[in-house]
Amino acid sequence: AKEKYHGGLKPFSFQTGERVVKRREAKLFMDVKLSKSKKGRIGLCDGDKPGVLARTFCRTYSLNKETEKKLTRVIRGYMEKNDIEVGGAQAKPAGDE
């Protein structure tokens, strides 16, 4: 529905103050080698869920479900090794349903 503004269309405006995305500070970054010349980076925060991080990363880079399962295990190990709190109620890695 178009709103009238002094006889014309209402000008478009961004509403920047209403939506605030809360970003947590990453405690550590994990680099993932995708090819000889390309890598991806995953920021790890206390309370993150390895399965969710792996799923998001794999979807972003169009990686398969087997890679997602492996990456979930690697992320969990990396978090535990570096004393980063692993989030509860883990999302199941692909193929574990």
N, C-alpha and C. Protein backbone atom coordinates (compact mmCIF):
# COMPACT_ATOMS: atom_id res chain seq x y z
N ALA A 1 0.85 -1.18 0.00
CA ALA A 1 0.00 0.00 0.00
C ALA A 1 0.89 1.23 0.00
N LYS A 2 0.64 2.09 -0.97
CA LYS A 2 1.43 3.31 -1.08
C LYS A 2 0.81 4.39 -0.22
N GLU A 3 1.64 5.04 0.58
CA GLU A 3 1.18 6.13 1.43
C GLU A 3 1.42 7.45 0.73
N LYS A 4 0.46 8.34 0.83
CA LYS A 4 0.59 9.65 0.22
C LYS A 4 1.45 10.55 1.09
N TYR A 5 2.25 11.36 0.46
CA TYR A 5 3.11 12.32 1.16
C TYR A 5 3.03 13.64 0.42
N HIS A 6 2.26 14.55 0.93
CA HIS A 6 2.07 15.87 0.31
C HIS A 6 1.73 15.74 -1.17
N GLY A 7 0.78 14.90 -1.47
CA GLY A 7 0.33 14.78 -2.84
C GLY A 7 1.14 13.82 -3.68
N GLY A 8 2.19 13.20 -3.14
CA GLY A 8 3.01 12.26 -3.90
C GLY A 8 3.30 11.02 -3.08
N LEU A 9 4.26 10.23 -3.51
CA LEU A 9 4.64 9.04 -2.77
C LEU A 9 5.51 9.42 -1.59
N LYS A 10 5.38 8.68 -0.52
CA LYS A 10 6.20 8.92 0.66
C LYS A 10 7.64 8.50 0.34
N PRO A 11 8.62 9.34 0.63
CA PRO A 11 10.01 8.98 0.32
C PRO A 11 10.47 7.79 1.16
N PHE A 12 11.33 6.98 0.55
CA PHE A 12 11.88 5.80 1.21
C PHE A 12 12.85 6.24 2.31
N SER A 13 12.84 5.51 3.43
CA SER A 13 13.80 5.81 4.48
C SER A 13 14.21 4.52 5.18
N PHE A 14 15.47 4.46 5.57
CA PHE A 14 15.96 3.32 6.33
C PHE A 14 15.60 3.53 7.80
N GLN A 15 15.23 2.46 8.45
CA GLN A 15 14.93 2.54 9.87
C GLN A 15 16.06 1.85 10.62
N THR A 16 17.12 2.58 10.80
CA THR A 16 18.33 1.98 11.36
C THR A 16 18.28 1.80 12.86
N GLY A 17 17.48 2.55 13.57
CA GLY A 17 17.49 2.50 15.01
C GLY A 17 16.66 1.39 15.61
N GLU A 18 15.82 0.74 14.83
CA GLU A 18 14.89 -0.24 15.39
C GLU A 18 15.46 -1.65 15.50
N ARG A 19 16.32 -2.02 14.58
CA ARG A 19 16.84 -3.39 14.56
C ARG A 19 18.31 -3.37 14.94
N VAL A 20 18.61 -3.99 16.05
CA VAL A 20 20.00 -4.04 16.50
C VAL A 20 20.41 -5.51 16.58
N VAL A 21 21.46 -5.85 15.85
CA VAL A 21 21.97 -7.22 15.88
C VAL A 21 23.06 -7.27 16.93
N LYS A 22 22.89 -8.15 17.89
CA LYS A 22 23.88 -8.28 18.96
C LYS A 22 24.92 -9.31 18.53
N ARG A 23 26.13 -8.84 18.35
CA ARG A 23 27.23 -9.74 17.98
C ARG A 23 28.09 -9.96 19.21
N ARG A 24 28.43 -11.21 19.40
CA ARG A 24 29.32 -11.54 20.51
C ARG A 24 30.76 -11.50 20.01
N GLU A 25 31.64 -11.16 20.91
CA GLU A 25 33.06 -11.14 20.59
C GLU A 25 33.57 -12.58 20.51
N ALA A 26 34.20 -12.93 19.41
CA ALA A 26 34.77 -14.27 19.26
C ALA A 26 35.97 -14.42 20.19
N LYS A 27 36.03 -15.55 20.89
CA LYS A 27 37.19 -15.81 21.75
C LYS A 27 38.37 -16.30 20.91
N LEU A 28 38.04 -16.94 19.80
CA LEU A 28 39.07 -17.55 18.97
C LEU A 28 38.51 -17.71 17.56
N PHE A 29 39.38 -17.66 16.57
CA PHE A 29 38.97 -17.90 15.19
C PHE A 29 39.61 -19.20 14.71
N MET A 30 38.85 -19.93 13.94
CA MET A 30 39.31 -21.20 13.39
C MET A 30 39.31 -21.06 11.87
N ASP A 31 40.47 -21.22 11.24
CA ASP A 31 40.57 -21.14 9.79
C ASP A 31 40.36 -22.52 9.21
N VAL A 32 39.55 -22.59 8.17
CA VAL A 32 39.23 -23.86 7.50
C VAL A 32 39.71 -23.76 6.06
N LYS A 33 40.64 -24.64 5.69
CA LYS A 33 41.18 -24.64 4.33
C LYS A 33 40.16 -25.27 3.38
N LEU A 34 39.76 -24.49 2.38
CA LEU A 34 38.77 -24.97 1.41
C LEU A 34 39.44 -25.45 0.13
N SER A 35 40.56 -24.84 -0.22
CA SER A 35 41.35 -25.24 -1.38
C SER A 35 42.77 -24.68 -1.16
N LYS A 36 43.63 -24.86 -2.14
CA LYS A 36 45.00 -24.35 -1.99
C LYS A 36 45.02 -22.85 -1.77
N SER A 37 44.09 -22.14 -2.37
CA SER A 37 44.14 -20.68 -2.30
C SER A 37 42.98 -20.04 -1.54
N LYS A 38 42.08 -20.85 -1.01
CA LYS A 38 40.90 -20.28 -0.36
C LYS A 38 40.69 -20.90 1.02
N LYS A 39 40.36 -20.03 1.98
CA LYS A 39 40.04 -20.54 3.32
C LYS A 39 38.85 -19.76 3.86
N GLY A 40 38.16 -20.39 4.79
CA GLY A 40 37.05 -19.76 5.48
C GLY A 40 37.40 -19.63 6.94
N ARG A 41 36.74 -18.73 7.63
CA ARG A 41 37.04 -18.49 9.04
C ARG A 41 35.76 -18.62 9.85
N ILE A 42 35.87 -19.32 10.98
CA ILE A 42 34.75 -19.48 11.90
C ILE A 42 35.13 -18.85 13.22
N GLY A 43 34.35 -17.91 13.68
CA GLY A 43 34.56 -17.30 14.98
C GLY A 43 33.90 -18.14 16.05
N LEU A 44 34.62 -18.46 17.10
CA LEU A 44 34.11 -19.31 18.17
C LEU A 44 33.88 -18.49 19.43
N CYS A 45 32.66 -18.57 19.97
CA CYS A 45 32.28 -17.85 21.19
C CYS A 45 31.80 -18.86 22.23
N ASP A 46 31.92 -18.50 23.50
CA ASP A 46 31.34 -19.34 24.55
C ASP A 46 29.87 -19.57 24.26
N GLY A 47 29.44 -20.81 24.42
CA GLY A 47 28.03 -21.15 24.22
C GLY A 47 27.66 -21.51 22.80
N ASP A 48 28.58 -21.40 21.86
CA ASP A 48 28.28 -21.79 20.48
C ASP A 48 28.04 -23.29 20.39
N LYS A 49 27.23 -23.67 19.44
CA LYS A 49 26.92 -25.08 19.19
C LYS A 49 27.69 -25.53 17.95
N PRO A 50 28.61 -26.48 18.09
CA PRO A 50 29.42 -26.92 16.96
C PRO A 50 28.61 -27.34 15.74
N GLY A 51 27.50 -28.04 15.95
CA GLY A 51 26.67 -28.49 14.82
C GLY A 51 26.06 -27.33 14.05
N VAL A 52 25.66 -26.30 14.76
CA VAL A 52 25.08 -25.12 14.10
C VAL A 52 26.16 -24.36 13.33
N LEU A 53 27.33 -24.19 13.95
CA LEU A 53 28.43 -23.52 13.26
C LEU A 53 28.83 -24.27 11.99
N ALA A 54 28.94 -25.58 12.09
CA ALA A 54 29.34 -26.40 10.94
C ALA A 54 28.28 -26.34 9.84
N ARG A 55 27.02 -26.43 10.22
CA ARG A 55 25.93 -26.39 9.23
C ARG A 55 25.93 -25.06 8.49
N THR A 56 26.07 -23.96 9.22
CA THR A 56 26.07 -22.64 8.61
C THR A 56 27.27 -22.47 7.67
N PHE A 57 28.43 -22.90 8.14
CA PHE A 57 29.66 -22.81 7.33
C PHE A 57 29.52 -23.63 6.05
N CYS A 58 29.05 -24.86 6.19
CA CYS A 58 28.93 -25.74 5.03
C CYS A 58 27.89 -25.25 4.03
N ARG A 59 26.82 -24.67 4.51
CA ARG A 59 25.83 -24.09 3.59
C ARG A 59 26.41 -22.88 2.87
N THR A 60 27.16 -22.06 3.59
CA THR A 60 27.77 -20.87 3.00
C THR A 60 28.72 -21.25 1.86
N TYR A 61 29.50 -22.31 2.06
CA TYR A 61 30.49 -22.71 1.08
C TYR A 61 30.07 -23.92 0.24
N SER A 62 28.79 -24.28 0.28
CA SER A 62 28.24 -25.39 -0.51
C SER A 62 29.01 -26.69 -0.32
N LEU A 63 29.26 -27.04 0.94
CA LEU A 63 29.97 -28.27 1.27
C LEU A 63 28.96 -29.36 1.61
N ASN A 64 29.35 -30.61 1.44
CA ASN A 64 28.41 -31.73 1.61
C ASN A 64 28.19 -32.10 3.08
N LYS A 65 27.23 -32.99 3.28
CA LYS A 65 26.83 -33.40 4.65
C LYS A 65 27.95 -34.15 5.37
N GLU A 66 28.74 -34.93 4.65
CA GLU A 66 29.86 -35.65 5.27
C GLU A 66 30.89 -34.65 5.81
N THR A 67 31.15 -33.62 5.06
CA THR A 67 32.07 -32.57 5.51
C THR A 67 31.49 -31.87 6.74
N GLU A 68 30.20 -31.65 6.75
CA GLU A 68 29.54 -31.02 7.90
C GLU A 68 29.72 -31.85 9.16
N LYS A 69 29.57 -33.17 9.04
CA LYS A 69 29.75 -34.06 10.20
C LYS A 69 31.18 -33.99 10.72
N LYS A 70 32.16 -34.04 9.80
CA LYS A 70 33.57 -33.97 10.20
C LYS A 70 33.88 -32.62 10.84
N LEU A 71 33.37 -31.56 10.23
CA LEU A 71 33.64 -30.22 10.74
C LEU A 71 33.03 -30.03 12.13
N THR A 72 31.87 -30.61 12.37
CA THR A 72 31.24 -30.53 13.69
C THR A 72 32.17 -31.12 14.75
N ARG A 73 32.76 -32.28 14.45
CA ARG A 73 33.68 -32.93 15.39
C ARG A 73 34.94 -32.08 15.60
N VAL A 74 35.47 -31.52 14.52
CA VAL A 74 36.68 -30.70 14.61
C VAL A 74 36.41 -29.44 15.43
N ILE A 75 35.28 -28.79 15.18
CA ILE A 75 34.93 -27.58 15.93
C ILE A 75 34.79 -27.89 17.41
N ARG A 76 34.08 -28.98 17.74
CA ARG A 76 33.89 -29.36 19.15
C ARG A 76 35.26 -29.59 19.82
N GLY A 77 36.14 -30.32 19.16
CA GLY A 77 37.46 -30.59 19.72
C GLY A 77 38.27 -29.32 19.90
N TYR A 78 38.19 -28.42 18.93
CA TYR A 78 38.91 -27.16 18.99
C TYR A 78 38.41 -26.31 20.14
N MET A 79 37.08 -26.30 20.33
CA MET A 79 36.49 -25.53 21.44
C MET A 79 36.91 -26.11 22.78
N GLU A 80 36.85 -27.42 22.92
CA GLU A 80 37.22 -28.07 24.18
C GLU A 80 38.71 -27.85 24.49
N LYS A 81 39.54 -28.00 23.47
CA LYS A 81 40.99 -27.82 23.64
C LYS A 81 41.34 -26.40 24.09
N ASN A 82 40.55 -25.43 23.66
CA ASN A 82 40.84 -24.02 23.94
C ASN A 82 39.93 -23.42 25.01
N ASP A 83 39.30 -24.29 25.81
CA ASP A 83 38.46 -23.86 26.93
C ASP A 83 37.37 -22.88 26.54
N ILE A 84 36.71 -23.17 25.42
CA ILE A 84 35.56 -22.38 24.98
C ILE A 84 34.32 -23.21 25.29
N GLU A 85 33.40 -22.65 26.04
CA GLU A 85 32.21 -23.37 26.48
C GLU A 85 31.37 -23.81 25.28
N VAL A 86 31.10 -25.11 25.21
CA VAL A 86 30.27 -25.68 24.14
C VAL A 86 28.82 -25.53 24.53
N GLY A 87 28.00 -24.99 23.61
CA GLY A 87 26.58 -24.79 23.87
C GLY A 87 25.84 -26.10 24.05
N GLY A 88 24.78 -26.08 24.86
CA GLY A 88 23.97 -27.27 25.12
C GLY A 88 23.00 -27.57 24.01
N ALA A 89 22.30 -28.67 24.14
CA ALA A 89 21.28 -29.10 23.17
C ALA A 89 21.84 -29.04 21.75
N GLN A 90 22.90 -29.79 21.53
CA GLN A 90 23.59 -29.76 20.25
C GLN A 90 22.67 -30.12 19.10
N ALA A 91 22.79 -29.37 18.03
CA ALA A 91 22.10 -29.72 16.79
C ALA A 91 22.77 -30.98 16.26
N LYS A 92 21.96 -31.91 15.76
CA LYS A 92 22.54 -33.15 15.25
C LYS A 92 23.24 -32.87 13.92
N PRO A 93 24.45 -33.40 13.76
CA PRO A 93 25.11 -33.25 12.46
C PRO A 93 24.29 -33.94 11.38
N ALA A 94 24.42 -33.50 10.18
CA ALA A 94 23.69 -34.09 9.07
C ALA A 94 23.94 -35.59 9.00
N GLY A 95 22.89 -36.33 8.75
CA GLY A 95 23.02 -37.78 8.60
C GLY A 95 22.89 -38.54 9.92
N ASP A 96 22.81 -37.83 11.05
CA ASP A 96 22.68 -38.50 12.35
C ASP A 96 21.23 -38.58 12.81
N GLU A 97 20.29 -38.14 11.98
CA GLU A 97 18.89 -38.17 12.39
C GLU A 97 18.36 -39.58 12.42
